């Protein structure tokens, strides 16, 4: 990583020198006072240039040969960011578990209601298994629907 930062710093220095040389080559046609102000401004800019290694952003980025910046893979994941990213997954698991529990409880209550109806009814449970009785119930339901 340090070699990459050093390489990026050298590339940036090379690029700065190239631009400085281009500006210096373009100044001979300018009046003397303007060219001197430009020269002084370039020298002041080079003197005030911050080293790349002191910048936090520069340590995490690099300049590729095509001039694009690339960031390092370190996103600064700490305990809180890991917990914050795991929170939606935890909420999903808790929600799905709650849904399954509610549905299972509902099915159990339905089966218990059917069992209690069968046990408290006057008919024996074998009557419900009889095909004729099922037909009788269907006719009784359709007759009651017609009368309504």
C-alpha atoms as a PDB file:
ATOM      1  CA  UNK A   1       0.000   0.000   0.000  1.00  0.00           C
ATOM      2  CA  UNK A   2       2.879   2.345   0.795  1.00  0.00           C
ATOM      3  CA  UNK A   3       4.469   1.699  -2.618  1.00  0.00           C
ATOM      4  CA  UNK A   4       1.173   2.537  -4.278  1.00  0.00           C
ATOM      5  CA  UNK A   5       0.965   5.856  -2.373  1.00  0.00           C
ATOM      6  CA  UNK A   6       4.575   6.666  -3.240  1.00  0.00           C
ATOM      7  CA  UNK A   7       3.904   5.833  -6.874  1.00  0.00           C
ATOM      8  CA  UNK A   8       0.793   8.016  -6.854  1.00  0.00           C
ATOM      9  CA  UNK A   9       2.744  10.868  -5.290  1.00  0.00           C
ATOM     10  CA  UNK A  10       5.454  10.561  -7.941  1.00  0.00           C
ATOM     11  CA  UNK A  11       2.862  10.504 -10.722  1.00  0.00           C
ATOM     12  CA  UNK A  12       1.204  13.624  -9.334  1.00  0.00           C
ATOM     13  CA  UNK A  13       4.566  15.405  -9.018  1.00  0.00           C
ATOM     14  CA  UNK A  14       5.435  14.440 -12.591  1.00  0.00           C
ATOM     15  CA  UNK A  15       2.081  15.736 -13.804  1.00  0.00           C
ATOM     16  CA  UNK A  16       2.576  19.019 -11.906  1.00  0.00           C
ATOM     17  CA  UNK A  17       6.038  19.516 -13.400  1.00  0.00           C
ATOM     18  CA  UNK A  18       4.647  18.806 -16.861  1.00  0.00           C
ATOM     19  CA  UNK A  19       1.960  21.471 -16.472  1.00  0.00           C
ATOM     20  CA  UNK A  20       4.493  23.908 -15.041  1.00  0.00           C
ATOM     21  CA  UNK A  21       6.785  23.347 -18.030  1.00  0.00           C
ATOM     22  CA  UNK A  22       3.887  23.860 -20.439  1.00  0.00           C
ATOM     23  CA  UNK A  23       2.972  27.124 -18.722  1.00  0.00           C
ATOM     24  CA  UNK A  24       6.594  28.260 -18.782  1.00  0.00           C
ATOM     25  CA  UNK A  25       6.823  27.531 -22.523  1.00  0.00           C
ATOM     26  CA  UNK A  26       3.705  29.638 -23.177  1.00  0.00           C
ATOM     27  CA  UNK A  27       4.937  32.718 -21.301  1.00  0.00           C
ATOM     28  CA  UNK A  28       7.659  34.077 -23.694  1.00  0.00           C
ATOM     29  CA  UNK A  29       5.026  35.917 -25.747  1.00  0.00           C
ATOM     30  CA  UNK A  30       3.557  37.615 -22.669  1.00  0.00           C
ATOM     31  CA  UNK A  31       4.737  40.959 -21.268  1.00  0.00           C
ATOM     32  CA  UNK A  32       7.506  40.741 -18.651  1.00  0.00           C
ATOM     33  CA  UNK A  33       5.371  41.797 -15.653  1.00  0.00           C
ATOM     34  CA  UNK A  34       2.671  39.181 -16.380  1.00  0.00           C
ATOM     35  CA  UNK A  35       5.187  36.389 -16.913  1.00  0.00           C
ATOM     36  CA  UNK A  36       6.922  37.292 -13.613  1.00  0.00           C
ATOM     37  CA  UNK A  37       3.617  37.220 -11.720  1.00  0.00           C
ATOM     38  CA  UNK A  38       2.847  33.799 -13.224  1.00  0.00           C
ATOM     39  CA  UNK A  39       6.323  32.510 -12.318  1.00  0.00           C
ATOM     40  CA  UNK A  40       5.963  33.751  -8.725  1.00  0.00           C
ATOM     41  CA  UNK A  41       2.467  32.222  -8.482  1.00  0.00           C
ATOM     42  CA  UNK A  42       3.787  28.851  -9.716  1.00  0.00           C
ATOM     43  CA  UNK A  43       6.651  28.931  -7.211  1.00  0.00           C
ATOM     44  CA  UNK A  44       4.277  29.848  -4.369  1.00  0.00           C
ATOM     45  CA  UNK A  45       1.913  27.014  -5.362  1.00  0.00           C
ATOM     46  CA  UNK A  46       4.773  24.496  -5.390  1.00  0.00           C
ATOM     47  CA  UNK A  47       6.011  25.753  -1.990  1.00  0.00           C
ATOM     48  CA  UNK A  48       2.555  25.487  -0.419  1.00  0.00           C
ATOM     49  CA  UNK A  49       1.828  22.045  -1.859  1.00  0.00           C
ATOM     50  CA  UNK A  50       0.884  19.625   0.896  1.00  0.00           C
ATOM     51  CA  UNK A  51       2.591  16.240   0.860  1.00  0.00           C
ATOM     52  CA  UNK A  52       0.241  13.498  -0.276  1.00  0.00           C
ATOM     53  CA  UNK A  53       0.988  11.313   2.756  1.00  0.00           C
ATOM     54  CA  UNK A  54      -0.470  13.899   5.186  1.00  0.00           C
ATOM     55  CA  UNK A  55      -3.903  13.842   3.568  1.00  0.00           C
ATOM     56  CA  UNK A  56      -6.297  11.163   4.863  1.00  0.00           C
ATOM     57  CA  UNK A  57      -8.116  10.982   1.545  1.00  0.00           C
ATOM     58  CA  UNK A  58      -4.888  10.613  -0.396  1.00  0.00           C
ATOM     59  CA  UNK A  59      -3.818   7.653   1.715  1.00  0.00           C
ATOM     60  CA  UNK A  60      -6.963   5.796   0.753  1.00  0.00           C
ATOM     61  CA  UNK A  61      -6.832   6.652  -2.928  1.00  0.00           C
ATOM     62  CA  UNK A  62      -4.454   6.073  -5.771  1.00  0.00           C
ATOM     63  CA  UNK A  63      -4.054   7.480  -9.263  1.00  0.00           C
ATOM     64  CA  UNK A  64      -4.065   4.949 -12.069  1.00  0.00           C
ATOM     65  CA  UNK A  65      -2.173   5.383 -15.321  1.00  0.00           C
ATOM     66  CA  UNK A  66      -5.340   6.586 -17.094  1.00  0.00           C
ATOM     67  CA  UNK A  67      -5.790   9.379 -14.546  1.00  0.00           C
ATOM     68  CA  UNK A  68      -8.685   7.870 -12.576  1.00  0.00           C
ATOM     69  CA  UNK A  69      -8.736   7.732  -8.807  1.00  0.00           C
ATOM     70  CA  UNK A  70      -9.190   4.415  -7.064  1.00  0.00           C
ATOM     71  CA  UNK A  71     -10.168   3.971  -3.429  1.00  0.00           C
ATOM     72  CA  UNK A  72      -8.770   1.322  -1.174  1.00  0.00           C
ATOM     73  CA  UNK A  73     -10.955  -1.534   0.030  1.00  0.00           C
ATOM     74  CA  UNK A  74     -10.920  -0.322   3.656  1.00  0.00           C
ATOM     75  CA  UNK A  75     -14.260   1.306   4.381  1.00  0.00           C
ATOM     76  CA  UNK A  76     -13.518   1.781   8.059  1.00  0.00           C
ATOM     77  CA  UNK A  77     -15.947  -0.864   9.288  1.00  0.00           C
ATOM     78  CA  UNK A  78     -16.199  -0.697  13.034  1.00  0.00           C
ATOM     79  CA  UNK A  79     -18.482  -2.449  15.501  1.00  0.00           C
ATOM     80  CA  UNK A  80     -21.349   0.030  15.117  1.00  0.00           C
ATOM     81  CA  UNK A  81     -21.412  -0.099  11.323  1.00  0.00           C
ATOM     82  CA  UNK A  82     -21.353  -3.917  11.414  1.00  0.00           C
ATOM     83  CA  UNK A  83     -24.239  -3.949  13.898  1.00  0.00           C
ATOM     84  CA  UNK A  84     -26.150  -1.386  11.834  1.00  0.00           C
ATOM     85  CA  UNK A  85     -25.769  -3.495   8.704  1.00  0.00           C
ATOM     86  CA  UNK A  86     -26.843  -6.668  10.558  1.00  0.00           C
ATOM     87  CA  UNK A  87     -29.924  -5.024  12.082  1.00  0.00           C
ATOM     88  CA  UNK A  88     -32.172  -5.362   8.966  1.00  0.00           C
ATOM     89  CA  UNK A  89     -31.255  -9.046   8.676  1.00  0.00           C
ATOM     90  CA  UNK A  90     -32.101  -9.597  12.326  1.00  0.00           C
ATOM     91  CA  UNK A  91     -35.439  -7.789  11.885  1.00  0.00           C
ATOM     92  CA  UNK A  92     -36.238  -9.997   8.875  1.00  0.00           C
ATOM     93  CA  UNK A  93     -35.497 -13.201  10.787  1.00  0.00           C
ATOM     94  CA  UNK A  94     -37.569 -12.077  13.785  1.00  0.00           C
ATOM     95  CA  UNK A  95     -40.448 -11.068  11.488  1.00  0.00           C
ATOM     96  CA  UNK A  96     -40.455 -14.386   9.617  1.00  0.00           C
ATOM     97  CA  UNK A  97     -40.327 -16.312  12.888  1.00  0.00           C
ATOM     98  CA  UNK A  98     -43.244 -14.299  14.267  1.00  0.00           C
ATOM     99  CA  UNK A  99     -45.298 -14.905  11.104  1.00  0.00           C
ATOM    100  CA  UNK A 100     -44.646 -18.657  11.285  1.00  0.00           C
ATOM    101  CA  UNK A 101     -45.545 -18.760  14.971  1.00  0.00           C
ATOM    102  CA  UNK A 102     -48.810 -16.838  14.392  1.00  0.00           C
ATOM    103  CA  UNK A 103     -49.828 -19.079  11.482  1.00  0.00           C
ATOM    104  CA  UNK A 104     -49.051 -22.249  13.416  1.00  0.00           C
ATOM    105  CA  UNK A 105     -51.017 -20.944  16.404  1.00  0.00           C
ATOM    106  CA  UNK A 106     -53.946 -20.126  14.089  1.00  0.00           C
ATOM    107  CA  UNK A 107     -53.908 -23.639  12.582  1.00  0.00           C
ATOM    108  CA  UNK A 108     -53.766 -25.172  16.049  1.00  0.00           C
ATOM    109  CA  UNK A 109     -56.748 -23.086  17.174  1.00  0.00           C
ATOM    110  CA  UNK A 110     -58.745 -24.116  14.066  1.00  0.00           C
ATOM    111  CA  UNK A 111     -58.017 -27.796  14.642  1.00  0.00           C
ATOM    112  CA  UNK A 112     -58.932 -27.453  18.318  1.00  0.00           C
ATOM    113  CA  UNK A 113     -62.241 -25.806  17.388  1.00  0.00           C
ATOM    114  CA  UNK A 114     -63.051 -28.632  14.961  1.00  0.00           C
ATOM    115  CA  UNK A 115     -62.126 -31.291  17.530  1.00  0.00           C
ATOM    116  CA  UNK A 116     -64.224 -29.661  20.232  1.00  0.00           C
ATOM    117  CA  UNK A 117     -67.171 -29.340  17.846  1.00  0.00           C
ATOM    118  CA  UNK A 118     -66.891 -33.022  16.942  1.00  0.00           C
ATOM    119  CA  UNK A 119     -66.623 -34.113  20.566  1.00  0.00           C
ATOM    120  CA  UNK A 120     -69.486 -31.970  21.834  1.00  0.00           C
ATOM    121  CA  UNK A 121     -71.822 -32.725  18.927  1.00  0.00           C
ATOM    122  CA  UNK A 122     -74.678 -35.242  19.317  1.00  0.00           C
ATOM    123  CA  UNK A 123     -73.493 -37.247  16.307  1.00  0.00           C
ATOM    124  CA  UNK A 124     -70.727 -39.790  16.675  1.00  0.00           C
ATOM    125  CA  UNK A 125     -67.481 -39.048  14.785  1.00  0.00           C
ATOM    126  CA  UNK A 126     -68.082 -42.075  12.509  1.00  0.00           C
ATOM    127  CA  UNK A 127     -71.104 -40.289  11.039  1.00  0.00           C
ATOM    128  CA  UNK A 128     -68.849 -37.629   9.494  1.00  0.00           C
ATOM    129  CA  UNK A 129     -66.892 -40.338   7.640  1.00  0.00           C
ATOM    130  CA  UNK A 130     -70.054 -41.804   6.120  1.00  0.00           C
ATOM    131  CA  UNK A 131     -70.482 -40.828   2.441  1.00  0.00           C
ATOM    132  CA  UNK A 132     -74.273 -40.613   2.755  1.00  0.00           C
ATOM    133  CA  UNK A 133     -74.013 -38.230   5.682  1.00  0.00           C
ATOM    134  CA  UNK A 134     -71.692 -35.954   3.724  1.00  0.00           C
ATOM    135  CA  UNK A 135     -74.245 -35.943   0.877  1.00  0.00           C
ATOM    136  CA  UNK A 136     -76.997 -35.150   3.390  1.00  0.00           C
ATOM    137  CA  UNK A 137     -74.972 -32.205   4.727  1.00  0.00           C
ATOM    138  CA  UNK A 138     -74.390 -30.873   1.205  1.00  0.00           C
ATOM    139  CA  UNK A 139     -78.128 -31.099   0.394  1.00  0.00           C
ATOM    140  CA  UNK A 140     -79.003 -29.452   3.674  1.00  0.00           C
ATOM    141  CA  UNK A 141     -76.638 -26.572   2.970  1.00  0.00           C
ATOM    142  CA  UNK A 142     -77.911 -26.083  -0.580  1.00  0.00           C
ATOM    143  CA  UNK A 143     -81.576 -26.217   0.618  1.00  0.00           C
ATOM    144  CA  UNK A 144     -80.928 -23.651   3.302  1.00  0.00           C
ATOM    145  CA  UNK A 145     -79.197 -21.405   0.745  1.00  0.00           C
ATOM    146  CA  UNK A 146     -82.262 -21.612  -1.569  1.00  0.00           C
ATOM    147  CA  UNK A 147     -84.641 -20.711   1.246  1.00  0.00           C
ATOM    148  CA  UNK A 148     -82.670 -17.628   2.186  1.00  0.00           C
END
